[in-house]
């Protein structure tokens, strides 16, 4: 009976060791899965940025087609644009300094230019 009891204890000990190994392996798999998800998220960021840039370019193109106004990307402190008049094949530049006029006046002046 003692021999059987000893064998049973050894089996329980093996089972505990196997369960501990299984827990360690499960934790490692979980960590690897988290790393994989993190890598996929980092791969997704440049793709989303590229899509956002493409979307912005398409919006800018649409706005330019509708209003005939092309923004000057290099002027951050002024409202600086070019009006394209296709019928006369001309490009006219205009600028507004926000410190000299209200936003409402600037918008009205721009709408007046577009409607001409």
PDB file of N, CA and C in Angstrom:
ATOM      1  N   UNK A   1       0.814  -1.184   0.000  1.00  0.00           N
ATOM      2  CA  UNK A   1       0.000   0.000   0.000  1.00  0.00           C
ATOM      3  C   UNK A   1       0.871   1.267   0.000  1.00  0.00           C
ATOM      4  N   UNK A   2       1.962   1.183   0.780  1.00  0.00           N
ATOM      5  CA  UNK A   2       2.885   2.323   0.832  1.00  0.00           C
ATOM      6  C   UNK A   2       3.507   2.587  -0.534  1.00  0.00           C
ATOM      7  N   UNK A   3       3.805   1.544  -1.234  1.00  0.00           N
ATOM      8  CA  UNK A   3       4.389   1.676  -2.570  1.00  0.00           C
ATOM      9  C   UNK A   3       3.421   2.367  -3.522  1.00  0.00           C
ATOM     10  N   UNK A   4       2.163   2.001  -3.466  1.00  0.00           N
ATOM     11  CA  UNK A   4       1.149   2.634  -4.306  1.00  0.00           C
ATOM     12  C   UNK A   4       0.962   4.099  -3.912  1.00  0.00           C
ATOM     13  N   UNK A   5       0.988   4.358  -2.605  1.00  0.00           N
ATOM     14  CA  UNK A   5       0.868   5.730  -2.135  1.00  0.00           C
ATOM     15  C   UNK A   5       2.046   6.569  -2.636  1.00  0.00           C
ATOM     16  N   UNK A   6       3.224   6.012  -2.617  1.00  0.00           N
ATOM     17  CA  UNK A   6       4.427   6.706  -3.080  1.00  0.00           C
ATOM     18  C   UNK A   6       4.343   6.972  -4.590  1.00  0.00           C
ATOM     19  N   UNK A   7       3.876   5.984  -5.346  1.00  0.00           N
ATOM     20  CA  UNK A   7       3.712   6.166  -6.794  1.00  0.00           C
ATOM     21  C   UNK A   7       2.677   7.256  -7.087  1.00  0.00           C
ATOM     22  N   UNK A   8       1.607   7.272  -6.311  1.00  0.00           N
ATOM     23  CA  UNK A   8       0.573   8.285  -6.473  1.00  0.00           C
ATOM     24  C   UNK A   8       1.148   9.677  -6.202  1.00  0.00           C
ATOM     25  N   UNK A   9       1.931   9.807  -5.156  1.00  0.00           N
ATOM     26  CA  UNK A   9       2.569  11.083  -4.838  1.00  0.00           C
ATOM     27  C   UNK A   9       3.514  11.514  -5.962  1.00  0.00           C
ATOM     28  N   UNK A  10       4.248  10.591  -6.516  1.00  0.00           N
ATOM     29  CA  UNK A  10       5.162  10.906  -7.634  1.00  0.00           C
ATOM     30  C   UNK A  10       4.375  11.382  -8.852  1.00  0.00           C
ATOM     31  N   UNK A  11       3.247  10.737  -9.094  1.00  0.00           N
ATOM     32  CA  UNK A  11       2.401  11.143 -10.224  1.00  0.00           C
ATOM     33  C   UNK A  11       1.829  12.538  -9.997  1.00  0.00           C
ATOM     34  N   UNK A  12       1.409  12.810  -8.763  1.00  0.00           N
ATOM     35  CA  UNK A  12       0.921  14.155  -8.443  1.00  0.00           C
ATOM     36  C   UNK A  12       2.030  15.197  -8.635  1.00  0.00           C
ATOM     37  N   UNK A  13       3.238  14.839  -8.228  1.00  0.00           N
ATOM     38  CA  UNK A  13       4.381  15.747  -8.388  1.00  0.00           C
ATOM     39  C   UNK A  13       4.654  16.001  -9.876  1.00  0.00           C
ATOM     40  N   UNK A  14       4.625  14.972 -10.697  1.00  0.00           N
ATOM     41  CA  UNK A  14       4.813  15.118 -12.143  1.00  0.00           C
ATOM     42  C   UNK A  14       3.713  15.989 -12.738  1.00  0.00           C
ATOM     43  N   UNK A  15       2.494  15.752 -12.275  1.00  0.00           N
ATOM     44  CA  UNK A  15       1.363  16.543 -12.775  1.00  0.00           C
ATOM     45  C   UNK A  15       1.536  18.024 -12.416  1.00  0.00           C
ATOM     46  N   UNK A  16       1.962  18.326 -11.193  1.00  0.00           N
ATOM     47  CA  UNK A  16       2.201  19.712 -10.792  1.00  0.00           C
ATOM     48  C   UNK A  16       3.310  20.343 -11.652  1.00  0.00           C
ATOM     49  N   UNK A  17       4.359  19.593 -11.908  1.00  0.00           N
ATOM     50  CA  UNK A  17       5.450  20.095 -12.751  1.00  0.00           C
ATOM     51  C   UNK A  17       4.960  20.364 -14.178  1.00  0.00           C
ATOM     52  N   UNK A  18       4.169  19.446 -14.693  1.00  0.00           N
ATOM     53  CA  UNK A  18       3.622  19.630 -16.037  1.00  0.00           C
ATOM     54  C   UNK A  18       2.671  20.823 -16.083  1.00  0.00           C
ATOM     55  N   UNK A  19       1.874  21.007 -15.047  1.00  0.00           N
ATOM     56  CA  UNK A  19       0.973  22.154 -15.005  1.00  0.00           C
ATOM     57  C   UNK A  19       1.771  23.464 -14.927  1.00  0.00           C
ATOM     58  N   UNK A  20       2.861  23.443 -14.169  1.00  0.00           N
ATOM     59  CA  UNK A  20       3.710  24.635 -14.085  1.00  0.00           C
ATOM     60  C   UNK A  20       4.344  24.933 -15.446  1.00  0.00           C
ATOM     61  N   UNK A  21       4.831  23.908 -16.122  1.00  0.00           N
ATOM     62  CA  UNK A  21       5.398  24.092 -17.469  1.00  0.00           C
ATOM     63  C   UNK A  21       4.340  24.603 -18.430  1.00  0.00           C
ATOM     64  N   UNK A  22       3.134  24.061 -18.333  1.00  0.00           N
ATOM     65  CA  UNK A  22       2.031  24.501 -19.185  1.00  0.00           C
ATOM     66  C   UNK A  22       1.707  25.964 -18.913  1.00  0.00           C
ATOM     67  N   UNK A  23       1.708  26.395 -17.652  1.00  0.00           N
ATOM     68  CA  UNK A  23       1.459  27.785 -17.307  1.00  0.00           C
ATOM     69  C   UNK A  23       2.536  28.692 -17.895  1.00  0.00           C
ATOM     70  N   UNK A  24       3.784  28.276 -17.803  1.00  0.00           N
ATOM     71  CA  UNK A  24       4.889  29.062 -18.352  1.00  0.00           C
ATOM     72  C   UNK A  24       4.747  29.182 -19.870  1.00  0.00           C
ATOM     73  N   UNK A  25       4.456  28.081 -20.531  1.00  0.00           N
ATOM     74  CA  UNK A  25       4.298  28.091 -21.986  1.00  0.00           C
ATOM     75  C   UNK A  25       3.093  28.946 -22.383  1.00  0.00           C
ATOM     76  N   UNK A  26       2.015  28.846 -21.634  1.00  0.00           N
ATOM     77  CA  UNK A  26       0.821  29.649 -21.914  1.00  0.00           C
ATOM     78  C   UNK A  26       1.133  31.131 -21.764  1.00  0.00           C
ATOM     79  N   UNK A  27       1.876  31.499 -20.741  1.00  0.00           N
ATOM     80  CA  UNK A  27       2.275  32.899 -20.551  1.00  0.00           C
ATOM     81  C   UNK A  27       3.170  33.378 -21.693  1.00  0.00           C
ATOM     82  N   UNK A  28       4.090  32.534 -22.128  1.00  0.00           N
ATOM     83  CA  UNK A  28       4.961  32.900 -23.244  1.00  0.00           C
ATOM     84  C   UNK A  28       4.153  33.098 -24.526  1.00  0.00           C
ATOM     85  N   UNK A  29       3.194  32.229 -24.758  1.00  0.00           N
ATOM     86  CA  UNK A  29       2.334  32.365 -25.940  1.00  0.00           C
ATOM     87  C   UNK A  29       1.537  33.658 -25.857  1.00  0.00           C
ATOM     88  N   UNK A  30       1.024  33.959 -24.667  1.00  0.00           N
ATOM     89  CA  UNK A  30       0.266  35.197 -24.486  1.00  0.00           C
ATOM     90  C   UNK A  30       1.153  36.416 -24.745  1.00  0.00           C
ATOM     91  N   UNK A  31       2.370  36.396 -24.233  1.00  0.00           N
ATOM     92  CA  UNK A  31       3.309  37.504 -24.477  1.00  0.00           C
ATOM     93  C   UNK A  31       3.618  37.649 -25.966  1.00  0.00           C
ATOM     94  N   UNK A  32       3.833  36.534 -26.634  1.00  0.00           N
ATOM     95  CA  UNK A  32       4.108  36.580 -28.078  1.00  0.00           C
ATOM     96  C   UNK A  32       2.906  37.119 -28.841  1.00  0.00           C
ATOM     97  N   UNK A  33       1.711  36.756 -28.428  1.00  0.00           N
ATOM     98  CA  UNK A  33       0.495  37.254 -29.082  1.00  0.00           C
ATOM     99  C   UNK A  33       0.381  38.768 -28.896  1.00  0.00           C
ATOM    100  N   UNK A  34       0.689  39.245 -27.695  1.00  0.00           N
ATOM    101  CA  UNK A  34       0.677  40.693 -27.444  1.00  0.00           C
ATOM    102  C   UNK A  34       1.719  41.409 -28.302  1.00  0.00           C
ATOM    103  N   UNK A  35       2.895  40.826 -28.439  1.00  0.00           N
ATOM    104  CA  UNK A  35       3.941  41.411 -29.278  1.00  0.00           C
ATOM    105  C   UNK A  35       3.503  41.441 -30.739  1.00  0.00           C
ATOM    106  N   UNK A  36       2.869  40.382 -31.198  1.00  0.00           N
ATOM    107  CA  UNK A  36       2.387  40.326 -32.574  1.00  0.00           C
ATOM    108  C   UNK A  36       1.360  41.429 -32.818  1.00  0.00           C
ATOM    109  N   UNK A  37       0.441  41.590 -31.876  1.00  0.00           N
ATOM    110  CA  UNK A  37      -0.583  42.630 -32.014  1.00  0.00           C
ATOM    111  C   UNK A  37       0.062  44.012 -32.037  1.00  0.00           C
ATOM    112  N   UNK A  38       1.067  44.200 -31.210  1.00  0.00           N
ATOM    113  CA  UNK A  38       1.767  45.486 -31.172  1.00  0.00           C
ATOM    114  C   UNK A  38       2.480  45.766 -32.494  1.00  0.00           C
ATOM    115  N   UNK A  39       3.107  44.753 -33.053  1.00  0.00           N
ATOM    116  CA  UNK A  39       3.805  44.913 -34.337  1.00  0.00           C
ATOM    117  C   UNK A  39       2.797  45.227 -35.440  1.00  0.00           C
ATOM    118  N   UNK A  40       1.655  44.557 -35.431  1.00  0.00           N
ATOM    119  CA  UNK A  40       0.627  44.831 -36.438  1.00  0.00           C
ATOM    120  C   UNK A  40       0.105  46.253 -36.319  1.00  0.00           C
ATOM    121  N   UNK A  41      -0.074  46.732 -35.081  1.00  0.00           N
ATOM    122  CA  UNK A  41      -0.517  48.112 -34.889  1.00  0.00           C
ATOM    123  C   UNK A  41       0.521  49.094 -35.429  1.00  0.00           C
ATOM    124  N   UNK A  42       1.796  48.822 -35.181  1.00  0.00           N
ATOM    125  CA  UNK A  42       2.851  49.712 -35.676  1.00  0.00           C
ATOM    126  C   UNK A  42       2.931  49.677 -37.196  1.00  0.00           C
ATOM    127  N   UNK A  43       2.631  48.558 -37.794  1.00  0.00           N
ATOM    128  CA  UNK A  43       2.614  48.477 -39.263  1.00  0.00           C
ATOM    129  C   UNK A  43       1.419  49.247 -39.832  1.00  0.00           C
ATOM    130  N   UNK A  44       0.346  49.285 -39.065  1.00  0.00           N
ATOM    131  CA  UNK A  44      -0.883  49.933 -39.514  1.00  0.00           C
ATOM    132  C   UNK A  44      -0.748  51.460 -39.511  1.00  0.00           C
ATOM    133  N   UNK A  45       0.045  52.004 -38.599  1.00  0.00           N
ATOM    134  CA  UNK A  45       0.179  53.458 -38.466  1.00  0.00           C
ATOM    135  C   UNK A  45       0.655  54.118 -39.758  1.00  0.00           C
ATOM    136  N   UNK A  46       1.755  53.667 -40.384  1.00  0.00           N
ATOM    137  CA  UNK A  46       2.179  54.316 -41.639  1.00  0.00           C
ATOM    138  C   UNK A  46       1.131  54.202 -42.746  1.00  0.00           C
ATOM    139  N   UNK A  47       0.433  53.077 -42.791  1.00  0.00           N
ATOM    140  CA  UNK A  47      -0.600  52.908 -43.818  1.00  0.00           C
ATOM    141  C   UNK A  47      -1.734  53.909 -43.593  1.00  0.00           C
ATOM    142  N   UNK A  48      -2.139  54.095 -42.344  1.00  0.00           N
ATOM    143  CA  UNK A  48      -3.201  55.051 -42.042  1.00  0.00           C
ATOM    144  C   UNK A  48      -2.739  56.470 -42.344  1.00  0.00           C
ATOM    145  N   UNK A  49      -1.496  56.775 -42.018  1.00  0.00           N
ATOM    146  CA  UNK A  49      -0.971  58.108 -42.318  1.00  0.00           C
ATOM    147  C   UNK A  49      -0.955  58.365 -43.826  1.00  0.00           C
ATOM    148  N   UNK A  50      -0.574  57.344 -44.575  1.00  0.00           N
ATOM    149  CA  UNK A  50      -0.563  57.466 -46.040  1.00  0.00           C
ATOM    150  C   UNK A  50      -1.981  57.683 -46.567  1.00  0.00           C
ATOM    151  N   UNK A  51      -2.939  56.938 -46.018  1.00  0.00           N
ATOM    152  CA  UNK A  51      -4.333  57.113 -46.434  1.00  0.00           C
ATOM    153  C   UNK A  51      -4.838  58.512 -46.081  1.00  0.00           C
ATOM    154  N   UNK A  52      -4.495  58.984 -44.887  1.00  0.00           N
ATOM    155  CA  UNK A  52      -4.916  60.327 -44.481  1.00  0.00           C
ATOM    156  C   UNK A  52      -4.306  61.387 -45.394  1.00  0.00           C
ATOM    157  N   UNK A  53      -3.051  61.212 -45.754  1.00  0.00           N
ATOM    158  CA  UNK A  53      -2.402  62.168 -46.654  1.00  0.00           C
ATOM    159  C   UNK A  53      -3.061  62.150 -48.031  1.00  0.00           C
ATOM    160  N   UNK A  54      -3.357  60.963 -48.530  1.00  0.00           N
ATOM    161  CA  UNK A  54      -4.028  60.837 -49.827  1.00  0.00           C
ATOM    162  C   UNK A  54      -5.408  61.495 -49.769  1.00  0.00           C
ATOM    163  N   UNK A  55      -6.142  61.265 -48.680  1.00  0.00           N
ATOM    164  CA  UNK A  55      -7.462  61.857 -48.511  1.00  0.00           C
ATOM    165  C   UNK A  55      -7.356  63.386 -48.479  1.00  0.00           C
ATOM    166  N   UNK A  56      -6.355  63.909 -47.778  1.00  0.00           N
ATOM    167  CA  UNK A  56      -6.165  65.358 -47.708  1.00  0.00           C
ATOM    168  C   UNK A  56      -5.831  65.930 -49.079  1.00  0.00           C
ATOM    169  N   UNK A  57      -4.991  65.230 -49.841  1.00  0.00           N
ATOM    170  CA  UNK A  57      -4.654  65.689 -51.186  1.00  0.00           C
ATOM    171  C   UNK A  57      -5.886  65.694 -52.086  1.00  0.00           C
ATOM    172  N   UNK A  58      -6.715  64.675 -51.952  1.00  0.00           N
ATOM    173  CA  UNK A  58      -7.924  64.615 -52.768  1.00  0.00           C
ATOM    174  C   UNK A  58      -8.886  65.744 -52.389  1.00  0.00           C
ATOM    175  N   UNK A  59      -9.018  66.037 -51.074  1.00  0.00           N
ATOM    176  CA  UNK A  59      -9.863  67.146 -50.641  1.00  0.00           C
ATOM    177  C   UNK A  59      -9.333  68.464 -51.189  1.00  0.00           C
ATOM    178  N   UNK A  60      -8.029  68.635 -51.084  1.00  0.00           N
ATOM    179  CA  UNK A  60      -7.414  69.866 -51.578  1.00  0.00           C
ATOM    180  C   UNK A  60      -7.654  70.019 -53.074  1.00  0.00           C
ATOM    181  N   UNK A  61      -7.526  68.937 -53.810  1.00  0.00           N
ATOM    182  CA  UNK A  61      -7.776  68.965 -55.245  1.00  0.00           C
ATOM    183  C   UNK A  61      -9.237  69.311 -55.532  1.00  0.00           C
ATOM    184  N   UNK A  62     -10.152  68.719 -54.761  1.00  0.00           N
ATOM    185  CA  UNK A  62     -11.570  69.008 -54.957  1.00  0.00           C
ATOM    186  C   UNK A  62     -11.864  70.484 -54.649  1.00  0.00           C
ATOM    187  N   UNK A  63     -11.334  70.983 -53.532  1.00  0.00           N
ATOM    188  CA  UNK A  63     -11.551  72.388 -53.186  1.00  0.00           C
ATOM    189  C   UNK A  63     -10.986  73.310 -54.260  1.00  0.00           C
ATOM    190  N   UNK A  64      -9.813  72.967 -54.768  1.00  0.00           N
ATOM    191  CA  UNK A  64      -9.199  73.783 -55.816  1.00  0.00           C
ATOM    192  C   UNK A  64     -10.057  73.754 -57.084  1.00  0.00           C
ATOM    193  N   UNK A  65     -10.624  72.597 -57.407  1.00  0.00           N
ATOM    194  CA  UNK A  65     -11.477  72.502 -58.593  1.00  0.00           C
ATOM    195  C   UNK A  65     -12.755  73.307 -58.438  1.00  0.00           C
ATOM    196  N   UNK A  66     -13.324  73.288 -57.246  1.00  0.00           N
ATOM    197  CA  UNK A  66     -14.591  73.980 -57.020  1.00  0.00           C
ATOM    198  C   UNK A  66     -14.391  75.488 -56.904  1.00  0.00           C
ATOM    199  N   UNK A  67     -13.377  75.894 -56.159  1.00  0.00           N
ATOM    200  CA  UNK A  67     -13.208  77.321 -55.871  1.00  0.00           C
ATOM    201  C   UNK A  67     -12.191  78.021 -56.759  1.00  0.00           C
ATOM    202  N   UNK A  68     -11.396  77.247 -57.487  1.00  0.00           N
ATOM    203  CA  UNK A  68     -10.287  77.781 -58.286  1.00  0.00           C
ATOM    204  C   UNK A  68      -9.231  78.458 -57.414  1.00  0.00           C
ATOM    205  N   UNK A  69      -9.160  78.071 -56.153  1.00  0.00           N
ATOM    206  CA  UNK A  69      -8.163  78.624 -55.237  1.00  0.00           C
ATOM    207  C   UNK A  69      -7.223  77.508 -54.796  1.00  0.00           C
ATOM    208  N   UNK A  70      -5.932  77.796 -54.901  1.00  0.00           N
ATOM    209  CA  UNK A  70      -4.908  76.835 -54.501  1.00  0.00           C
ATOM    210  C   UNK A  70      -4.164  77.424 -53.301  1.00  0.00           C
ATOM    211  N   UNK A  71      -4.134  76.721 -52.171  1.00  0.00           N
ATOM    212  CA  UNK A  71      -3.465  77.269 -50.994  1.00  0.00           C
ATOM    213  C   UNK A  71      -1.945  77.262 -51.155  1.00  0.00           C
ATOM    214  N   UNK A  72      -1.311  78.188 -50.482  1.00  0.00           N
ATOM    215  CA  UNK A  72       0.138  78.228 -50.407  1.00  0.00           C
ATOM    216  C   UNK A  72       0.520  77.558 -49.094  1.00  0.00           C
ATOM    217  N   UNK A  73       1.080  76.374 -49.172  1.00  0.00           N
ATOM    218  CA  UNK A  73       1.368  75.573 -47.982  1.00  0.00           C
ATOM    219  C   UNK A  73       2.496  76.152 -47.126  1.00  0.00           C
ATOM    220  N   UNK A  74       3.284  77.056 -47.693  1.00  0.00           N
ATOM    221  CA  UNK A  74       4.469  77.545 -46.993  1.00  0.00           C
ATOM    222  C   UNK A  74       4.193  78.769 -46.139  1.00  0.00           C
ATOM    223  N   UNK A  75       3.038  79.364 -46.260  1.00  0.00           N
ATOM    224  CA  UNK A  75       2.685  80.557 -45.492  1.00  0.00           C
ATOM    225  C   UNK A  75       1.807  80.146 -44.308  1.00  0.00           C
ATOM    226  N   UNK A  76       2.389  79.999 -43.137  1.00  0.00           N
ATOM    227  CA  UNK A  76       1.619  79.577 -41.973  1.00  0.00           C
ATOM    228  C   UNK A  76       1.031  80.749 -41.192  1.00  0.00           C
ATOM    229  N   UNK A  77       1.613  81.916 -41.290  1.00  0.00           N
ATOM    230  CA  UNK A  77       1.162  83.054 -40.494  1.00  0.00           C
ATOM    231  C   UNK A  77       0.216  83.964 -41.256  1.00  0.00           C
ATOM    232  N   UNK A  78       0.005  83.688 -42.534  1.00  0.00           N
ATOM    233  CA  UNK A  78      -0.908  84.484 -43.355  1.00  0.00           C
ATOM    234  C   UNK A  78      -1.863  83.560 -44.097  1.00  0.00           C
ATOM    235  N   UNK A  79      -2.976  84.134 -44.518  1.00  0.00           N
ATOM    236  CA  UNK A  79      -3.873  83.432 -45.439  1.00  0.00           C
ATOM    237  C   UNK A  79      -3.343  83.771 -46.822  1.00  0.00           C
ATOM    238  N   UNK A  80      -2.653  82.828 -47.426  1.00  0.00           N
ATOM    239  CA  UNK A  80      -1.999  83.072 -48.708  1.00  0.00           C
ATOM    240  C   UNK A  80      -2.452  82.011 -49.710  1.00  0.00           C
ATOM    241  N   UNK A  81      -2.982  82.470 -50.832  1.00  0.00           N
ATOM    242  CA  UNK A  81      -3.529  81.543 -51.836  1.00  0.00           C
ATOM    243  C   UNK A  81      -3.269  82.074 -53.240  1.00  0.00           C
ATOM    244  N   UNK A  82      -3.579  81.227 -54.210  1.00  0.00           N
ATOM    245  CA  UNK A  82      -3.533  81.599 -55.620  1.00  0.00           C
ATOM    246  C   UNK A  82      -4.899  81.319 -56.221  1.00  0.00           C
ATOM    247  N   UNK A  83      -5.418  82.246 -56.970  1.00  0.00           N
ATOM    248  CA  UNK A  83      -6.664  82.040 -57.700  1.00  0.00           C
ATOM    249  C   UNK A  83      -6.302  81.706 -59.140  1.00  0.00           C
ATOM    250  N   UNK A  84      -6.845  80.600 -59.614  1.00  0.00           N
ATOM    251  CA  UNK A  84      -6.583  80.172 -60.985  1.00  0.00           C
ATOM    252  C   UNK A  84      -7.792  80.551 -61.826  1.00  0.00           C
ATOM    253  N   UNK A  85      -7.556  81.348 -62.849  1.00  0.00           N
ATOM    254  CA  UNK A  85      -8.635  81.734 -63.771  1.00  0.00           C
ATOM    255  C   UNK A  85      -8.338  81.052 -65.098  1.00  0.00           C
ATOM    256  N   UNK A  86      -8.992  79.932 -65.304  1.00  0.00           N
ATOM    257  CA  UNK A  86      -8.708  79.099 -66.464  1.00  0.00           C
ATOM    258  C   UNK A  86      -9.086  79.774 -67.777  1.00  0.00           C
ATOM    259  N   UNK A  87     -10.187  80.511 -67.754  1.00  0.00           N
ATOM    260  CA  UNK A  87     -10.634  81.139 -68.996  1.00  0.00           C
ATOM    261  C   UNK A  87      -9.615  82.170 -69.505  1.00  0.00           C
ATOM    262  N   UNK A  88      -8.920  82.829 -68.570  1.00  0.00           N
ATOM    263  CA  UNK A  88      -7.900  83.811 -68.978  1.00  0.00           C
ATOM    264  C   UNK A  88      -6.492  83.236 -68.864  1.00  0.00           C
ATOM    265  N   UNK A  89      -6.406  81.987 -68.455  1.00  0.00           N
ATOM    266  CA  UNK A  89      -5.117  81.322 -68.248  1.00  0.00           C
ATOM    267  C   UNK A  89      -4.203  82.181 -67.379  1.00  0.00           C
ATOM    268  N   UNK A  90      -4.735  82.584 -66.238  1.00  0.00           N
ATOM    269  CA  UNK A  90      -3.984  83.457 -65.334  1.00  0.00           C
ATOM    270  C   UNK A  90      -4.028  82.895 -63.915  1.00  0.00           C
ATOM    271  N   UNK A  91      -2.993  83.223 -63.158  1.00  0.00           N
ATOM    272  CA  UNK A  91      -2.920  82.864 -61.751  1.00  0.00           C
ATOM    273  C   UNK A  91      -2.648  84.144 -60.984  1.00  0.00           C
ATOM    274  N   UNK A  92      -3.523  84.446 -60.033  1.00  0.00           N
ATOM    275  CA  UNK A  92      -3.368  85.648 -59.224  1.00  0.00           C
ATOM    276  C   UNK A  92      -3.138  85.238 -57.777  1.00  0.00           C
ATOM    277  N   UNK A  93      -2.150  85.854 -57.149  1.00  0.00           N
ATOM    278  CA  UNK A  93      -1.864  85.553 -55.751  1.00  0.00           C
ATOM    279  C   UNK A  93      -2.541  86.595 -54.874  1.00  0.00           C
ATOM    280  N   UNK A  94      -3.059  86.132 -53.725  1.00  0.00           N
ATOM    281  CA  UNK A  94      -3.593  87.067 -52.737  1.00  0.00           C
ATOM    282  C   UNK A  94      -3.163  86.619 -51.354  1.00  0.00           C
ATOM    283  N   UNK A  95      -3.090  87.584 -50.439  1.00  0.00           N
ATOM    284  CA  UNK A  95      -2.709  87.313 -49.064  1.00  0.00           C
ATOM    285  C   UNK A  95      -3.556  88.173 -48.132  1.00  0.00           C
ATOM    286  N   UNK A  96      -3.869  87.606 -47.004  1.00  0.00           N
ATOM    287  CA  UNK A  96      -4.540  88.344 -45.948  1.00  0.00           C
ATOM    288  C   UNK A  96      -3.771  88.099 -44.664  1.00  0.00           C
ATOM    289  N   UNK A  97      -3.506  89.150 -43.941  1.00  0.00           N
ATOM    290  CA  UNK A  97      -2.854  89.028 -42.648  1.00  0.00           C
ATOM    291  C   UNK A  97      -3.950  88.983 -41.586  1.00  0.00           C
ATOM    292  N   UNK A  98      -4.059  87.872 -40.852  1.00  0.00           N
ATOM    293  CA  UNK A  98      -5.128  87.741 -39.860  1.00  0.00           C
ATOM    294  C   UNK A  98      -5.100  88.822 -38.776  1.00  0.00           C
ATOM    295  N   UNK A  99      -3.957  89.434 -38.559  1.00  0.00           N
ATOM    296  CA  UNK A  99      -3.883  90.474 -37.529  1.00  0.00           C
ATOM    297  C   UNK A  99      -4.470  91.805 -38.017  1.00  0.00           C
ATOM    298  N   UNK A 100      -4.669  91.949 -39.333  1.00  0.00           N
ATOM    299  CA  UNK A 100      -5.169  93.204 -39.891  1.00  0.00           C
ATOM    300  C   UNK A 100      -6.670  93.193 -40.161  1.00  0.00           C
ATOM    301  N   UNK A 101      -7.283  92.016 -40.200  1.00  0.00           N
ATOM    302  CA  UNK A 101      -8.717  91.933 -40.490  1.00  0.00           C
ATOM    303  C   UNK A 101      -9.318  90.784 -39.688  1.00  0.00           C
ATOM    304  N   UNK A 102     -10.621  90.860 -39.497  1.00  0.00           N
ATOM    305  CA  UNK A 102     -11.307  89.772 -38.789  1.00  0.00           C
ATOM    306  C   UNK A 102     -11.444  88.578 -39.727  1.00  0.00           C
ATOM    307  N   UNK A 103     -11.674  87.435 -39.149  1.00  0.00           N
ATOM    308  CA  UNK A 103     -11.868  86.229 -39.955  1.00  0.00           C
ATOM    309  C   UNK A 103     -13.082  86.393 -40.859  1.00  0.00           C
ATOM    310  N   UNK A 104     -14.125  87.005 -40.356  1.00  0.00           N
ATOM    311  CA  UNK A 104     -15.339  87.215 -41.150  1.00  0.00           C
ATOM    312  C   UNK A 104     -15.034  88.067 -42.377  1.00  0.00           C
ATOM    313  N   UNK A 105     -14.292  89.170 -42.203  1.00  0.00           N
ATOM    314  CA  UNK A 105     -13.942  90.028 -43.335  1.00  0.00           C
ATOM    315  C   UNK A 105     -13.069  89.291 -44.344  1.00  0.00           C
ATOM    316  N   UNK A 106     -12.142  88.506 -43.841  1.00  0.00           N
ATOM    317  CA  UNK A 106     -11.273  87.725 -44.728  1.00  0.00           C
ATOM    318  C   UNK A 106     -12.097  86.749 -45.556  1.00  0.00           C
ATOM    319  N   UNK A 107     -13.013  86.015 -44.898  1.00  0.00           N
ATOM    320  CA  UNK A 107     -13.864  85.069 -45.624  1.00  0.00           C
ATOM    321  C   UNK A 107     -14.731  85.781 -46.655  1.00  0.00           C
ATOM    322  N   UNK A 108     -15.296  86.900 -46.297  1.00  0.00           N
ATOM    323  CA  UNK A 108     -16.106  87.654 -47.257  1.00  0.00           C
ATOM    324  C   UNK A 108     -15.283  88.094 -48.455  1.00  0.00           C
ATOM    325  N   UNK A 109     -14.088  88.595 -48.217  1.00  0.00           N
ATOM    326  CA  UNK A 109     -13.223  89.008 -49.324  1.00  0.00           C
ATOM    327  C   UNK A 109     -12.886  87.830 -50.240  1.00  0.00           C
ATOM    328  N   UNK A 110     -12.617  86.682 -49.629  1.00  0.00           N
ATOM    329  CA  UNK A 110     -12.314  85.488 -50.448  1.00  0.00           C
ATOM    330  C   UNK A 110     -13.532  85.085 -51.265  1.00  0.00           C
ATOM    331  N   UNK A 111     -14.723  85.071 -50.669  1.00  0.00           N
ATOM    332  CA  UNK A 111     -15.936  84.708 -51.412  1.00  0.00           C
ATOM    333  C   UNK A 111     -16.199  85.689 -52.551  1.00  0.00           C
ATOM    334  N   UNK A 112     -15.917  86.946 -52.319  1.00  0.00           N
ATOM    335  CA  UNK A 112     -16.080  87.931 -53.388  1.00  0.00           C
ATOM    336  C   UNK A 112     -15.120  87.652 -54.531  1.00  0.00           C
ATOM    337  N   UNK A 113     -13.900  87.230 -54.218  1.00  0.00           N
ATOM    338  CA  UNK A 113     -12.934  86.888 -55.282  1.00  0.00           C
ATOM    339  C   UNK A 113     -13.391  85.671 -56.066  1.00  0.00           C
ATOM    340  N   UNK A 114     -13.932  84.682 -55.359  1.00  0.00           N
ATOM    341  CA  UNK A 114     -14.377  83.464 -56.030  1.00  0.00           C
ATOM    342  C   UNK A 114     -15.542  83.743 -56.971  1.00  0.00           C
ATOM    343  N   UNK A 115     -16.452  84.576 -56.522  1.00  0.00           N
ATOM    344  CA  UNK A 115     -17.671  84.789 -57.301  1.00  0.00           C
ATOM    345  C   UNK A 115     -17.452  85.681 -58.513  1.00  0.00           C
ATOM    346  N   UNK A 116     -16.310  86.341 -58.607  1.00  0.00           N
ATOM    347  CA  UNK A 116     -16.047  87.200 -59.773  1.00  0.00           C
ATOM    348  C   UNK A 116     -15.727  86.427 -60.998  1.00  0.00           C
TER     349      UNK A 116
END
